[in-house]
Amino acid sequence: MSDTPRPWLPFGLVALVAVWSFIAPHDPATWWMEALPAVVGLPLVLVLWPRFPWTRLAVWLMAVHALILLVGAHYTYALTPLGFWLQEAFDLSRNHYDRLGHLAQGFIPAILAREVLGRRLRLGRGWLLFLSTCFCLAFSALYELIEWAAALALGEGADAFLATQGDPWDTQWDMFLALTGALAAQGLLGHLHDRQLARM
């Protein structure tokens, strides 16, 4: 059992955004597909907290990832206002909010995988880097397969969930960004994460 207090503040902020996100989303079916990892995952973290408390870094990254998912779920990724702002500010050809989501899909799970592997298997930094990156690539590929299955099952109704916006290379971009995010997270946050893990 852990004496580390549960992360009520960051997860409470996410809960408030989840309520806003749930109210009149652009596409209710898409909301459930996009928001499900956040609305199921974070409560599960709280339930399992006594058995596996996370570092402060991991907790805040989970919260940030949940916020990205919930905002995208409310508007759909192709219609998110932040993406339109980026499109106008940088003269981009499309709304890139989904690109941000897939970058986060590598950046944040890399630290989570690193934490589980580092604490359970006591791996060295090299193996942590390799296996955490492999996990993120596998997770990204799984997500693309889920998107493919949704497209087959829903036909045109899957467009809001897929958010390809006419890009034939969208799947490859998504996986490349997950890889980039995974490597960036470990390069930028690895030392901070190690210090927090040492205090666990």
C-alpha atoms as a PDB file:
ATOM      1  CA  MET A   1       0.000   0.000   0.000  1.00  0.00           C
ATOM      2  CA  SER A   2       1.187   3.534  -0.815  1.00  0.00           C
ATOM      3  CA  ASP A   3       1.122   6.635   1.373  1.00  0.00           C
ATOM      4  CA  THR A   4       1.476   8.872  -1.707  1.00  0.00           C
ATOM      5  CA  PRO A   5      -1.705  10.963  -1.992  1.00  0.00           C
ATOM      6  CA  ARG A   6      -3.872  10.443  -5.042  1.00  0.00           C
ATOM      7  CA  PRO A   7      -3.592  13.153  -7.737  1.00  0.00           C
ATOM      8  CA  TRP A   8      -6.905  14.853  -7.046  1.00  0.00           C
ATOM      9  CA  LEU A   9      -5.894  18.283  -8.412  1.00  0.00           C
ATOM     10  CA  PRO A  10      -4.776  17.356 -11.942  1.00  0.00           C
ATOM     11  CA  PHE A  11      -7.443  14.691 -12.335  1.00  0.00           C
ATOM     12  CA  GLY A  12     -10.075  17.032 -10.900  1.00  0.00           C
ATOM     13  CA  LEU A  13      -9.182  19.606 -13.567  1.00  0.00           C
ATOM     14  CA  VAL A  14      -9.560  16.900 -16.188  1.00  0.00           C
ATOM     15  CA  ALA A  15     -12.971  15.952 -14.767  1.00  0.00           C
ATOM     16  CA  LEU A  16     -14.185  19.552 -15.179  1.00  0.00           C
ATOM     17  CA  VAL A  17     -13.007  19.613 -18.796  1.00  0.00           C
ATOM     18  CA  ALA A  18     -14.618  16.204 -19.354  1.00  0.00           C
ATOM     19  CA  VAL A  19     -17.998  17.615 -18.270  1.00  0.00           C
ATOM     20  CA  TRP A  20     -17.595  20.547 -20.678  1.00  0.00           C
ATOM     21  CA  SER A  21     -16.438  18.203 -23.452  1.00  0.00           C
ATOM     22  CA  PHE A  22     -19.437  15.896 -22.968  1.00  0.00           C
ATOM     23  CA  ILE A  23     -21.997  18.700 -23.280  1.00  0.00           C
ATOM     24  CA  ALA A  24     -23.186  19.031 -26.898  1.00  0.00           C
ATOM     25  CA  PRO A  25     -20.145  17.638 -28.714  1.00  0.00           C
ATOM     26  CA  HIS A  26     -19.963  18.058 -32.479  1.00  0.00           C
ATOM     27  CA  ASP A  27     -20.417  14.304 -33.014  1.00  0.00           C
ATOM     28  CA  PRO A  28     -21.534  12.212 -29.996  1.00  0.00           C
ATOM     29  CA  ALA A  29     -20.322   8.904 -31.454  1.00  0.00           C
ATOM     30  CA  THR A  30     -16.889  10.399 -32.132  1.00  0.00           C
ATOM     31  CA  TRP A  31     -16.848  11.823 -28.606  1.00  0.00           C
ATOM     32  CA  TRP A  32     -17.081   8.338 -27.126  1.00  0.00           C
ATOM     33  CA  MET A  33     -14.376   6.942 -29.411  1.00  0.00           C
ATOM     34  CA  GLU A  34     -11.968   9.800 -28.699  1.00  0.00           C
ATOM     35  CA  ALA A  35     -12.696  10.406 -25.010  1.00  0.00           C
ATOM     36  CA  LEU A  36     -12.877   6.778 -23.862  1.00  0.00           C
ATOM     37  CA  PRO A  37      -9.154   6.456 -22.959  1.00  0.00           C
ATOM     38  CA  ALA A  38      -9.424   9.507 -20.689  1.00  0.00           C
ATOM     39  CA  VAL A  39     -12.766   8.759 -19.041  1.00  0.00           C
ATOM     40  CA  VAL A  40     -11.807   5.135 -18.356  1.00  0.00           C
ATOM     41  CA  GLY A  41      -8.044   5.427 -17.901  1.00  0.00           C
ATOM     42  CA  LEU A  42      -7.789   8.138 -15.246  1.00  0.00           C
ATOM     43  CA  PRO A  43     -10.409   6.625 -12.889  1.00  0.00           C
ATOM     44  CA  LEU A  44      -8.570   3.316 -13.265  1.00  0.00           C
ATOM     45  CA  VAL A  45      -5.328   5.029 -12.217  1.00  0.00           C
ATOM     46  CA  LEU A  46      -7.079   6.321  -9.086  1.00  0.00           C
ATOM     47  CA  VAL A  47      -8.514   2.907  -8.223  1.00  0.00           C
ATOM     48  CA  LEU A  48      -5.119   1.205  -8.627  1.00  0.00           C
ATOM     49  CA  TRP A  49      -3.184   4.003  -6.911  1.00  0.00           C
ATOM     50  CA  PRO A  50      -2.512   2.125  -3.629  1.00  0.00           C
ATOM     51  CA  ARG A  51      -0.856  -0.675  -5.602  1.00  0.00           C
ATOM     52  CA  PHE A  52       0.947   1.516  -8.130  1.00  0.00           C
ATOM     53  CA  PRO A  53       1.337   5.242  -7.387  1.00  0.00           C
ATOM     54  CA  TRP A  54       2.848   7.246 -10.240  1.00  0.00           C
ATOM     55  CA  THR A  55       5.478   9.977 -10.218  1.00  0.00           C
ATOM     56  CA  ARG A  56       4.324  13.588 -10.307  1.00  0.00           C
ATOM     57  CA  LEU A  57       5.664  13.914 -13.865  1.00  0.00           C
ATOM     58  CA  ALA A  58       3.663  10.917 -15.070  1.00  0.00           C
ATOM     59  CA  VAL A  59       0.487  12.178 -13.396  1.00  0.00           C
ATOM     60  CA  TRP A  60       0.643  15.619 -14.991  1.00  0.00           C
ATOM     61  CA  LEU A  61       1.458  14.120 -18.380  1.00  0.00           C
ATOM     62  CA  MET A  62      -1.583  11.842 -18.072  1.00  0.00           C
ATOM     63  CA  ALA A  63      -3.711  14.885 -17.315  1.00  0.00           C
ATOM     64  CA  VAL A  64      -2.335  16.814 -20.311  1.00  0.00           C
ATOM     65  CA  HIS A  65      -2.969  13.855 -22.598  1.00  0.00           C
ATOM     66  CA  ALA A  66      -6.515  13.533 -21.293  1.00  0.00           C
ATOM     67  CA  LEU A  67      -7.127  17.232 -21.989  1.00  0.00           C
ATOM     68  CA  ILE A  68      -5.867  16.861 -25.565  1.00  0.00           C
ATOM     69  CA  LEU A  69      -8.215  13.912 -26.067  1.00  0.00           C
ATOM     70  CA  LEU A  70     -11.221  15.640 -24.508  1.00  0.00           C
ATOM     71  CA  VAL A  71     -10.835  18.839 -26.519  1.00  0.00           C
ATOM     72  CA  GLY A  72     -10.447  16.814 -29.710  1.00  0.00           C
ATOM     73  CA  ALA A  73     -13.454  14.699 -28.750  1.00  0.00           C
ATOM     74  CA  HIS A  74     -15.660  17.759 -28.243  1.00  0.00           C
ATOM     75  CA  TYR A  75     -14.919  19.453 -31.562  1.00  0.00           C
ATOM     76  CA  THR A  76     -13.543  16.462 -33.553  1.00  0.00           C
ATOM     77  CA  TYR A  77      -9.861  16.694 -34.375  1.00  0.00           C
ATOM     78  CA  ALA A  78     -10.401  18.224 -37.809  1.00  0.00           C
ATOM     79  CA  LEU A  79     -12.546  21.075 -36.408  1.00  0.00           C
ATOM     80  CA  THR A  80     -10.661  22.010 -33.231  1.00  0.00           C
ATOM     81  CA  PRO A  81     -10.226  25.822 -32.936  1.00  0.00           C
ATOM     82  CA  LEU A  82      -6.605  25.540 -31.755  1.00  0.00           C
ATOM     83  CA  GLY A  83      -5.821  23.615 -34.933  1.00  0.00           C
ATOM     84  CA  PHE A  84      -7.431  26.321 -37.078  1.00  0.00           C
ATOM     85  CA  TRP A  85      -5.409  28.970 -35.229  1.00  0.00           C
ATOM     86  CA  LEU A  86      -2.200  27.050 -35.948  1.00  0.00           C
ATOM     87  CA  GLN A  87      -3.265  26.591 -39.550  1.00  0.00           C
ATOM     88  CA  GLU A  88      -3.736  30.338 -39.997  1.00  0.00           C
ATOM     89  CA  ALA A  89      -0.703  31.402 -37.958  1.00  0.00           C
ATOM     90  CA  PHE A  90       1.725  29.121 -39.818  1.00  0.00           C
ATOM     91  CA  ASP A  91      -0.057  29.054 -43.201  1.00  0.00           C
ATOM     92  CA  LEU A  92      -0.622  25.297 -43.008  1.00  0.00           C
ATOM     93  CA  SER A  93      -2.673  23.321 -45.505  1.00  0.00           C
ATOM     94  CA  ARG A  94      -4.887  21.640 -42.898  1.00  0.00           C
ATOM     95  CA  ASN A  95      -5.971  21.640 -39.266  1.00  0.00           C
ATOM     96  CA  HIS A  96      -3.015  20.019 -37.464  1.00  0.00           C
ATOM     97  CA  TYR A  97      -4.646  19.347 -34.093  1.00  0.00           C
ATOM     98  CA  ASP A  98      -4.667  15.625 -34.854  1.00  0.00           C
ATOM     99  CA  ARG A  99      -0.907  15.851 -35.463  1.00  0.00           C
ATOM    100  CA  LEU A 100      -0.536  17.286 -31.960  1.00  0.00           C
ATOM    101  CA  GLY A 101      -2.612  14.367 -30.669  1.00  0.00           C
ATOM    102  CA  HIS A 102      -0.371  11.783 -32.306  1.00  0.00           C
ATOM    103  CA  LEU A 103       2.789  13.540 -31.121  1.00  0.00           C
ATOM    104  CA  ALA A 104       1.338  13.320 -27.597  1.00  0.00           C
ATOM    105  CA  GLN A 105       0.459   9.662 -28.272  1.00  0.00           C
ATOM    106  CA  GLY A 106       4.196   8.997 -28.344  1.00  0.00           C
ATOM    107  CA  PHE A 107       5.460  11.660 -25.928  1.00  0.00           C
ATOM    108  CA  ILE A 108       3.279  10.790 -22.946  1.00  0.00           C
ATOM    109  CA  PRO A 109       3.024   6.980 -23.158  1.00  0.00           C
ATOM    110  CA  ALA A 110       6.827   6.878 -23.471  1.00  0.00           C
ATOM    111  CA  ILE A 111       7.186   8.241 -19.943  1.00  0.00           C
ATOM    112  CA  LEU A 112       4.425   5.961 -18.653  1.00  0.00           C
ATOM    113  CA  ALA A 113       6.008   2.883 -20.237  1.00  0.00           C
ATOM    114  CA  ARG A 114       9.406   3.998 -18.948  1.00  0.00           C
ATOM    115  CA  GLU A 115       8.003   4.234 -15.437  1.00  0.00           C
ATOM    116  CA  VAL A 116       6.405   0.791 -15.448  1.00  0.00           C
ATOM    117  CA  LEU A 117       9.441  -0.881 -17.024  1.00  0.00           C
ATOM    118  CA  GLY A 118      11.909   0.967 -14.810  1.00  0.00           C
ATOM    119  CA  ARG A 119      10.098   0.117 -11.586  1.00  0.00           C
ATOM    120  CA  ARG A 120       9.036  -3.435 -12.370  1.00  0.00           C
ATOM    121  CA  LEU A 121      12.038  -4.708 -14.327  1.00  0.00           C
ATOM    122  CA  ARG A 122      14.843  -2.419 -13.097  1.00  0.00           C
ATOM    123  CA  LEU A 123      16.134  -1.890 -16.623  1.00  0.00           C
ATOM    124  CA  GLY A 124      19.077   0.338 -17.510  1.00  0.00           C
ATOM    125  CA  ARG A 125      18.649   3.587 -19.468  1.00  0.00           C
ATOM    126  CA  GLY A 126      19.460   2.017 -22.837  1.00  0.00           C
ATOM    127  CA  TRP A 127      16.895  -0.737 -22.496  1.00  0.00           C
ATOM    128  CA  LEU A 128      14.346   1.722 -21.109  1.00  0.00           C
ATOM    129  CA  LEU A 129      14.800   3.944 -24.151  1.00  0.00           C
ATOM    130  CA  PHE A 130      14.505   1.057 -26.580  1.00  0.00           C
ATOM    131  CA  LEU A 131      11.564  -0.763 -25.001  1.00  0.00           C
ATOM    132  CA  SER A 132       9.589   2.396 -24.178  1.00  0.00           C
ATOM    133  CA  THR A 133       9.976   3.526 -27.782  1.00  0.00           C
ATOM    134  CA  CYS A 134       8.914   0.084 -29.028  1.00  0.00           C
ATOM    135  CA  PHE A 135       5.837   0.265 -26.788  1.00  0.00           C
ATOM    136  CA  CYS A 136       4.848   3.641 -28.254  1.00  0.00           C
ATOM    137  CA  LEU A 137       5.268   2.401 -31.824  1.00  0.00           C
ATOM    138  CA  ALA A 138       3.198  -0.702 -31.050  1.00  0.00           C
ATOM    139  CA  PHE A 139       0.518   1.423 -29.379  1.00  0.00           C
ATOM    140  CA  SER A 140       0.437   3.792 -32.356  1.00  0.00           C
ATOM    141  CA  ALA A 141       0.125   0.891 -34.790  1.00  0.00           C
ATOM    142  CA  LEU A 142      -2.706  -0.576 -32.691  1.00  0.00           C
ATOM    143  CA  TYR A 143      -4.511   2.769 -32.773  1.00  0.00           C
ATOM    144  CA  GLU A 144      -4.178   2.921 -36.562  1.00  0.00           C
ATOM    145  CA  LEU A 145      -5.665  -0.583 -36.787  1.00  0.00           C
ATOM    146  CA  ILE A 146      -8.569   0.566 -34.602  1.00  0.00           C
ATOM    147  CA  GLU A 147      -9.089   3.529 -36.952  1.00  0.00           C
ATOM    148  CA  TRP A 148      -9.033   1.143 -39.923  1.00  0.00           C
ATOM    149  CA  ALA A 149     -11.628  -1.099 -38.258  1.00  0.00           C
ATOM    150  CA  ALA A 150     -13.794   1.958 -37.515  1.00  0.00           C
ATOM    151  CA  ALA A 151     -13.565   3.019 -41.155  1.00  0.00           C
ATOM    152  CA  LEU A 152     -14.631  -0.448 -42.318  1.00  0.00           C
ATOM    153  CA  ALA A 153     -17.493  -0.624 -39.813  1.00  0.00           C
ATOM    154  CA  LEU A 154     -18.819   2.919 -40.089  1.00  0.00           C
ATOM    155  CA  GLY A 155     -17.954   3.902 -43.654  1.00  0.00           C
ATOM    156  CA  GLU A 156     -18.324   7.650 -44.147  1.00  0.00           C
ATOM    157  CA  GLY A 157     -19.448   7.971 -40.530  1.00  0.00           C
ATOM    158  CA  ALA A 158     -15.845   7.367 -39.453  1.00  0.00           C
ATOM    159  CA  ASP A 159     -14.515  10.535 -41.118  1.00  0.00           C
ATOM    160  CA  ALA A 160     -14.688  12.624 -37.934  1.00  0.00           C
ATOM    161  CA  PHE A 161     -12.847   9.929 -35.972  1.00  0.00           C
ATOM    162  CA  LEU A 162     -10.167   9.383 -38.618  1.00  0.00           C
ATOM    163  CA  ALA A 163      -9.491  13.107 -39.236  1.00  0.00           C
ATOM    164  CA  THR A 164      -7.389  12.301 -42.305  1.00  0.00           C
ATOM    165  CA  GLN A 165      -8.549  15.495 -44.028  1.00  0.00           C
ATOM    166  CA  GLY A 166      -7.744  14.025 -47.423  1.00  0.00           C
ATOM    167  CA  ASP A 167      -4.104  13.189 -46.610  1.00  0.00           C
ATOM    168  CA  PRO A 168      -3.183   9.799 -48.142  1.00  0.00           C
ATOM    169  CA  TRP A 169      -0.137   9.596 -45.849  1.00  0.00           C
ATOM    170  CA  ASP A 170      -2.040  10.342 -42.646  1.00  0.00           C
ATOM    171  CA  THR A 171      -1.377   6.907 -41.102  1.00  0.00           C
ATOM    172  CA  GLN A 172       2.354   7.162 -41.743  1.00  0.00           C
ATOM    173  CA  TRP A 173       2.471  10.712 -40.360  1.00  0.00           C
ATOM    174  CA  ASP A 174       0.632   9.563 -37.227  1.00  0.00           C
ATOM    175  CA  MET A 175       3.124   6.785 -36.519  1.00  0.00           C
ATOM    176  CA  PHE A 176       6.129   8.986 -37.331  1.00  0.00           C
ATOM    177  CA  LEU A 177       4.887  11.645 -34.911  1.00  0.00           C
ATOM    178  CA  ALA A 178       4.365   9.033 -32.197  1.00  0.00           C
ATOM    179  CA  LEU A 179       7.967   7.892 -32.712  1.00  0.00           C
ATOM    180  CA  THR A 180       9.208  11.489 -32.625  1.00  0.00           C
ATOM    181  CA  GLY A 181       7.237  12.187 -29.459  1.00  0.00           C
ATOM    182  CA  ALA A 182       8.537   9.049 -27.737  1.00  0.00           C
ATOM    183  CA  LEU A 183      12.163   9.924 -28.455  1.00  0.00           C
ATOM    184  CA  ALA A 184      11.687  13.593 -27.555  1.00  0.00           C
ATOM    185  CA  ALA A 185      10.016  12.797 -24.216  1.00  0.00           C
ATOM    186  CA  GLN A 186      12.808  10.494 -23.120  1.00  0.00           C
ATOM    187  CA  GLY A 187      15.514  12.861 -24.293  1.00  0.00           C
ATOM    188  CA  LEU A 188      13.982  15.942 -22.663  1.00  0.00           C
ATOM    189  CA  LEU A 189      12.463  14.448 -19.508  1.00  0.00           C
ATOM    190  CA  GLY A 190      14.513  11.317 -18.845  1.00  0.00           C
ATOM    191  CA  HIS A 191      16.783  12.845 -16.189  1.00  0.00           C
ATOM    192  CA  LEU A 192      13.875  14.526 -14.373  1.00  0.00           C
ATOM    193  CA  HIS A 193      11.955  11.262 -14.496  1.00  0.00           C
ATOM    194  CA  ASP A 194      14.945   9.358 -13.105  1.00  0.00           C
ATOM    195  CA  ARG A 195      15.139  11.739 -10.125  1.00  0.00           C
ATOM    196  CA  GLN A 196      11.462  11.296  -9.354  1.00  0.00           C
ATOM    197  CA  LEU A 197      11.703   7.532  -9.727  1.00  0.00           C
ATOM    198  CA  ALA A 198      14.635   7.476  -7.305  1.00  0.00           C
ATOM    199  CA  ARG A 199      12.415   9.101  -4.667  1.00  0.00           C
ATOM    200  CA  MET A 200       9.587   6.572  -5.082  1.00  0.00           C
END
